[in-house]
C-alpha atoms as a PDB file:
ATOM      1  CA  MET A   1     122.348 -33.978 242.221  1.00  0.00           C
ATOM      2  CA  LYS A   2     121.924 -37.742 242.188  1.00  0.00           C
ATOM      3  CA  ALA A   3     118.290 -37.399 241.086  1.00  0.00           C
ATOM      4  CA  VAL A   4     119.305 -35.113 238.201  1.00  0.00           C
ATOM      5  CA  ALA A   5     121.944 -37.634 237.045  1.00  0.00           C
ATOM      6  CA  ILE A   6     119.355 -40.441 237.087  1.00  0.00           C
ATOM      7  CA  LYS A   7     116.894 -38.321 235.069  1.00  0.00           C
ATOM      8  CA  ILE A   8     119.616 -37.447 232.556  1.00  0.00           C
ATOM      9  CA  GLY A   9     120.570 -41.148 232.307  1.00  0.00           C
ATOM     10  CA  TRP A  10     116.947 -42.132 231.627  1.00  0.00           C
ATOM     11  CA  ALA A  11     116.499 -39.362 229.082  1.00  0.00           C
ATOM     12  CA  LEU A  12     119.732 -40.293 227.327  1.00  0.00           C
ATOM     13  CA  SER A  13     118.722 -43.985 227.270  1.00  0.00           C
ATOM     14  CA  ALA A  14     115.316 -43.116 225.805  1.00  0.00           C
ATOM     15  CA  ILE A  15     116.893 -40.910 223.134  1.00  0.00           C
ATOM     16  CA  LEU A  16     119.380 -43.648 222.189  1.00  0.00           C
ATOM     17  CA  MET A  17     116.606 -46.257 221.959  1.00  0.00           C
ATOM     18  CA  LEU A  18     114.427 -44.026 219.808  1.00  0.00           C
ATOM     19  CA  ALA A  19     117.350 -43.053 217.608  1.00  0.00           C
ATOM     20  CA  GLY A  20     118.353 -46.694 217.291  1.00  0.00           C
ATOM     21  CA  CYS A  21     114.906 -47.610 216.042  1.00  0.00           C
ATOM     22  CA  GLN A  22     115.092 -44.894 213.403  1.00  0.00           C
ATOM     23  CA  THR A  23     118.602 -45.712 212.190  1.00  0.00           C
ATOM     24  CA  THR A  24     118.099 -49.423 211.553  1.00  0.00           C
ATOM     25  CA  SER A  25     117.089 -50.404 208.066  1.00  0.00           C
ATOM     26  CA  PRO A  26     113.675 -51.951 207.621  1.00  0.00           C
ATOM     27  CA  LEU A  27     113.489 -55.716 207.362  1.00  0.00           C
ATOM     28  CA  SER A  28     113.636 -56.930 203.822  1.00  0.00           C
ATOM     29  CA  LYS A  29     110.462 -58.869 203.155  1.00  0.00           C
ATOM     30  CA  PRO A  30     110.233 -61.322 200.294  1.00  0.00           C
ATOM     31  CA  ALA A  31     107.056 -60.838 198.361  1.00  0.00           C
ATOM     32  CA  ALA A  32     104.256 -63.021 199.620  1.00  0.00           C
ATOM     33  CA  LEU A  33     102.621 -65.311 197.120  1.00  0.00           C
ATOM     34  CA  ASP A  34      99.677 -63.201 196.028  1.00  0.00           C
ATOM     35  CA  ASN A  35      96.595 -64.447 194.216  1.00  0.00           C
ATOM     36  CA  THR A  36      97.909 -63.561 190.745  1.00  0.00           C
ATOM     37  CA  SER A  37     101.179 -65.446 191.158  1.00  0.00           C
ATOM     38  CA  PHE A  38      99.364 -68.336 192.822  1.00  0.00           C
ATOM     39  CA  MET A  39      96.980 -68.628 189.883  1.00  0.00           C
ATOM     40  CA  GLY A  40      99.950 -68.550 187.523  1.00  0.00           C
ATOM     41  CA  MET A  41     101.554 -71.325 189.531  1.00  0.00           C
ATOM     42  CA  TRP A  42      98.321 -73.320 189.501  1.00  0.00           C
ATOM     43  CA  THR A  43      98.092 -72.893 185.716  1.00  0.00           C
ATOM     44  CA  THR A  44     101.674 -74.119 185.345  1.00  0.00           C
ATOM     45  CA  TYR A  45     100.920 -77.134 187.546  1.00  0.00           C
ATOM     46  CA  ARG A  46      97.794 -78.053 185.563  1.00  0.00           C
ATOM     47  CA  HIS A  47      99.755 -77.603 182.326  1.00  0.00           C
ATOM     48  CA  CYS A  48     102.468 -79.939 183.617  1.00  0.00           C
ATOM     49  CA  GLU A  49      99.906 -82.589 184.509  1.00  0.00           C
ATOM     50  CA  ALA A  50      98.144 -82.377 181.131  1.00  0.00           C
ATOM     51  CA  ALA A  51     101.158 -81.876 178.838  1.00  0.00           C
ATOM     52  CA  SER A  52     102.654 -84.571 176.672  1.00  0.00           C
ATOM     53  CA  ASP A  53     105.752 -82.686 175.480  1.00  0.00           C
ATOM     54  CA  LEU A  54     108.626 -83.673 177.790  1.00  0.00           C
ATOM     55  CA  ASP A  55     110.605 -80.455 177.271  1.00  0.00           C
ATOM     56  CA  THR A  56     107.590 -78.379 178.269  1.00  0.00           C
ATOM     57  CA  MET A  57     106.993 -80.607 181.268  1.00  0.00           C
ATOM     58  CA  ARG A  58     110.639 -80.197 182.331  1.00  0.00           C
ATOM     59  CA  LEU A  59     110.318 -76.412 182.122  1.00  0.00           C
ATOM     60  CA  ASP A  60     107.089 -76.505 184.136  1.00  0.00           C
ATOM     61  CA  ALA A  61     108.724 -78.706 186.789  1.00  0.00           C
ATOM     62  CA  ARG A  62     111.724 -76.386 187.068  1.00  0.00           C
ATOM     63  CA  LEU A  63     109.507 -73.292 187.285  1.00  0.00           C
ATOM     64  CA  LEU A  64     107.340 -74.836 189.979  1.00  0.00           C
ATOM     65  CA  ASP A  65     110.422 -75.934 191.916  1.00  0.00           C
ATOM     66  CA  HIS A  66     111.857 -72.422 191.731  1.00  0.00           C
ATOM     67  CA  VAL A  67     108.626 -70.827 192.939  1.00  0.00           C
ATOM     68  CA  ALA A  68     108.175 -73.443 195.668  1.00  0.00           C
ATOM     69  CA  GLN A  69     111.612 -72.652 197.080  1.00  0.00           C
ATOM     70  CA  GLN A  70     110.675 -68.986 197.558  1.00  0.00           C
ATOM     71  CA  PRO A  71     109.361 -67.993 200.988  1.00  0.00           C
ATOM     72  CA  VAL A  72     105.575 -67.949 200.911  1.00  0.00           C
ATOM     73  CA  ILE A  73     105.105 -65.563 203.794  1.00  0.00           C
ATOM     74  CA  GLY A  74     107.621 -62.740 203.915  1.00  0.00           C
ATOM     75  CA  MET A  75     107.483 -62.060 207.630  1.00  0.00           C
ATOM     76  CA  GLY A  76     111.192 -61.955 208.413  1.00  0.00           C
ATOM     77  CA  HIS A  77     110.341 -64.071 211.451  1.00  0.00           C
ATOM     78  CA  ASP A  78     113.968 -64.770 212.322  1.00  0.00           C
ATOM     79  CA  ALA A  79     115.660 -61.624 211.019  1.00  0.00           C
ATOM     80  CA  LEU A  80     116.523 -60.224 214.442  1.00  0.00           C
ATOM     81  CA  LEU A  81     117.818 -63.456 215.934  1.00  0.00           C
ATOM     82  CA  PRO A  82     121.530 -64.156 216.234  1.00  0.00           C
ATOM     83  CA  GLN A  83     122.815 -66.577 213.590  1.00  0.00           C
ATOM     84  CA  VAL A  84     123.484 -69.273 216.185  1.00  0.00           C
ATOM     85  CA  MET A  85     119.786 -69.320 217.179  1.00  0.00           C
ATOM     86  CA  LYS A  86     118.287 -69.297 213.670  1.00  0.00           C
ATOM     87  CA  ARG A  87     118.814 -73.037 213.219  1.00  0.00           C
ATOM     88  CA  TRP A  88     116.237 -73.684 215.959  1.00  0.00           C
ATOM     89  CA  VAL A  89     113.532 -71.571 214.344  1.00  0.00           C
ATOM     90  CA  SER A  90     111.276 -73.420 211.945  1.00  0.00           C
ATOM     91  CA  GLU A  91     109.875 -72.002 208.730  1.00  0.00           C
ATOM     92  CA  PRO A  92     106.415 -70.461 209.151  1.00  0.00           C
ATOM     93  CA  ALA A  93     103.569 -72.781 208.252  1.00  0.00           C
ATOM     94  CA  ASN A  94     102.157 -72.592 204.745  1.00  0.00           C
ATOM     95  CA  ARG A  95      98.800 -70.795 204.889  1.00  0.00           C
ATOM     96  CA  LEU A  96      97.687 -71.642 201.367  1.00  0.00           C
ATOM     97  CA  ALA A  97      95.033 -74.251 200.610  1.00  0.00           C
ATOM     98  CA  VAL A  98      97.514 -75.940 198.252  1.00  0.00           C
ATOM     99  CA  ASP A  99     101.141 -76.648 199.093  1.00  0.00           C
ATOM    100  CA  PRO A 100     103.386 -75.145 196.360  1.00  0.00           C
ATOM    101  CA  LYS A 101     106.133 -77.664 197.168  1.00  0.00           C
ATOM    102  CA  ALA A 102     103.688 -80.542 196.742  1.00  0.00           C
ATOM    103  CA  MET A 103     102.698 -79.124 193.357  1.00  0.00           C
ATOM    104  CA  ALA A 104     106.369 -78.923 192.341  1.00  0.00           C
ATOM    105  CA  VAL A 105     107.220 -82.421 193.537  1.00  0.00           C
ATOM    106  CA  ALA A 106     104.110 -83.874 191.849  1.00  0.00           C
ATOM    107  CA  CYS A 107     105.000 -82.230 188.543  1.00  0.00           C
ATOM    108  CA  SER A 108     108.595 -83.485 188.774  1.00  0.00           C
ATOM    109  CA  LEU A 109     107.407 -87.014 189.510  1.00  0.00           C
ATOM    110  CA  HIS A 110     104.886 -86.942 186.653  1.00  0.00           C
ATOM    111  CA  THR A 111     107.545 -85.649 184.251  1.00  0.00           C
ATOM    112  CA  GLY A 112     109.946 -88.380 185.373  1.00  0.00           C
ATOM    113  CA  GLN A 113     107.341 -91.099 184.911  1.00  0.00           C
ATOM    114  CA  SER A 114     106.388 -89.779 181.468  1.00  0.00           C
ATOM    115  CA  ALA A 115     110.041 -89.563 180.437  1.00  0.00           C
ATOM    116  CA  LEU A 116     110.633 -93.121 181.630  1.00  0.00           C
ATOM    117  CA  SER A 117     107.644 -94.386 179.633  1.00  0.00           C
ATOM    118  CA  ALA A 118     108.886 -92.537 176.538  1.00  0.00           C
ATOM    119  CA  GLY A 119     112.414 -93.940 176.880  1.00  0.00           C
ATOM    120  CA  HIS A 120     114.025 -90.597 177.779  1.00  0.00           C
ATOM    121  CA  TYR A 121     116.089 -92.060 180.587  1.00  0.00           C
ATOM    122  CA  GLU A 122     118.322 -89.057 181.280  1.00  0.00           C
ATOM    123  CA  LEU A 123     115.322 -86.797 181.822  1.00  0.00           C
ATOM    124  CA  ALA A 124     113.635 -89.456 183.956  1.00  0.00           C
ATOM    125  CA  ASP A 125     116.771 -89.712 186.095  1.00  0.00           C
ATOM    126  CA  GLU A 126     116.956 -85.924 186.462  1.00  0.00           C
ATOM    127  CA  MET A 127     113.309 -85.621 187.500  1.00  0.00           C
ATOM    128  CA  PHE A 128     113.359 -88.560 189.926  1.00  0.00           C
ATOM    129  CA  HIS A 129     116.454 -87.136 191.611  1.00  0.00           C
ATOM    130  CA  ALA A 130     114.732 -83.734 191.803  1.00  0.00           C
ATOM    131  CA  VAL A 131     111.897 -85.402 193.735  1.00  0.00           C
ATOM    132  CA  LEU A 132     114.405 -86.905 196.166  1.00  0.00           C
ATOM    133  CA  THR A 133     115.601 -83.414 197.158  1.00  0.00           C
ATOM    134  CA  TYR A 134     112.306 -82.800 198.989  1.00  0.00           C
ATOM    135  CA  PRO A 135     111.915 -83.837 202.642  1.00  0.00           C
ATOM    136  CA  GLU A 136     110.781 -87.441 202.890  1.00  0.00           C
ATOM    137  CA  GLY A 137     108.699 -86.831 206.002  1.00  0.00           C
ATOM    138  CA  MET A 138     106.491 -84.337 204.178  1.00  0.00           C
ATOM    139  CA  TYR A 139     106.187 -86.133 200.827  1.00  0.00           C
ATOM    140  CA  PRO A 140     106.609 -89.891 201.454  1.00  0.00           C
ATOM    141  CA  TYR A 141     104.377 -90.953 198.534  1.00  0.00           C
ATOM    142  CA  TYR A 142     106.338 -88.916 195.991  1.00  0.00           C
ATOM    143  CA  ILE A 143     109.691 -90.029 197.406  1.00  0.00           C
ATOM    144  CA  GLN A 144     108.640 -93.694 197.242  1.00  0.00           C
ATOM    145  CA  GLN A 145     107.366 -93.314 193.676  1.00  0.00           C
ATOM    146  CA  ALA A 146     110.627 -91.622 192.634  1.00  0.00           C
ATOM    147  CA  ARG A 147     112.652 -94.453 194.172  1.00  0.00           C
ATOM    148  CA  GLU A 148     110.545 -96.987 192.298  1.00  0.00           C
ATOM    149  CA  GLY A 149     111.072 -95.007 189.094  1.00  0.00           C
ATOM    150  CA  LEU A 150     114.835 -95.000 189.660  1.00  0.00           C
ATOM    151  CA  ALA A 151     114.728 -98.755 190.290  1.00  0.00           C
ATOM    152  CA  GLN A 152     112.889 -99.254 186.978  1.00  0.00           C
ATOM    153  CA  LEU A 153     115.382 -96.971 185.286  1.00  0.00           C
ATOM    154  CA  ASN A 154     118.288 -98.992 186.677  1.00  0.00           C
ATOM    155  CA  THR A 155     116.621-102.188 185.434  1.00  0.00           C
ATOM    156  CA  PHE A 156     116.222-100.734 181.926  1.00  0.00           C
ATOM    157  CA  GLU A 157     119.830 -99.566 181.863  1.00  0.00           C
ATOM    158  CA  ALA A 158     121.104-102.936 183.144  1.00  0.00           C
ATOM    159  CA  ASN A 159     119.126-104.782 180.472  1.00  0.00           C
ATOM    160  CA  ALA A 160     120.340-102.400 177.775  1.00  0.00           C
ATOM    161  CA  SER A 161     123.982-102.971 178.735  1.00  0.00           C
ATOM    162  CA  ASP A 162     123.496-106.771 178.528  1.00  0.00           C
ATOM    163  CA  ARG A 163     122.270-106.602 174.925  1.00  0.00           C
ATOM    164  CA  PRO A 164     124.864-106.470 172.174  1.00  0.00           C
ATOM    165  CA  ALA A 165     124.830-103.283 170.145  1.00  0.00           C
ATOM    166  CA  LEU A 166     123.212-103.565 166.725  1.00  0.00           C
ATOM    167  CA  PRO A 167     125.617-103.176 163.840  1.00  0.00           C
ATOM    168  CA  SER A 168     125.363 -99.797 162.124  1.00  0.00           C
ATOM    169  CA  SER A 169     124.628-101.477 158.767  1.00  0.00           C
ATOM    170  CA  PHE A 170     121.574-103.145 160.315  1.00  0.00           C
ATOM    171  CA  ILE A 171     120.387 -99.803 161.759  1.00  0.00           C
ATOM    172  CA  THR A 172     120.830 -98.170 158.336  1.00  0.00           C
ATOM    173  CA  LEU A 173     118.883-100.996 156.686  1.00  0.00           C
ATOM    174  CA  LEU A 174     116.149-100.743 159.316  1.00  0.00           C
ATOM    175  CA  ALA A 175     115.913 -96.959 158.863  1.00  0.00           C
ATOM    176  CA  SER A 176     115.691 -97.238 155.076  1.00  0.00           C
ATOM    177  CA  THR A 177     112.991 -99.930 155.374  1.00  0.00           C
ATOM    178  CA  ALA A 178     110.980 -97.776 157.754  1.00  0.00           C
ATOM    179  CA  SER A 179     111.175 -94.772 155.418  1.00  0.00           C
ATOM    180  CA  GLY A 180     109.947 -96.843 152.481  1.00  0.00           C
ATOM    181  CA  ASN A 181     113.122 -96.856 150.344  1.00  0.00           C
END
């Protein structure tokens, strides 16, 4: 009798385990970065580096940042862990030859530097702060360059606030002289 109860217990346990495996939903896997999307990302990066239009560069930087924030490898490596343990699991290593986050941070820095040179200080500020959202340990060069850009930006803004504003009549006269009237 005892042997039959043990066999029934084992059989019931096996049935419950097999049924449990069939009733759980499959892990949702984010799409891995395939070759087509990687080439699109590379094209966007190269466009950002070569562009001169600041609005286009801003769009490229935002697109690259968005793509870089997506998981590269959709393995669901921590999906079965309790929430309390997930904080100790690191993100899987990037297996691409090029780091998408480095491409995004480089484009943001380049856009910020170009905006600063062109006198578009709000865009420069936005892009330099976007660079500072990336981990300093992984991208120290970009972080340092962004801080230097913000320091230059603060210097420009401080100098601009020290200068008296030009009278509107002078600006009108200057504009009419420049247009040839």
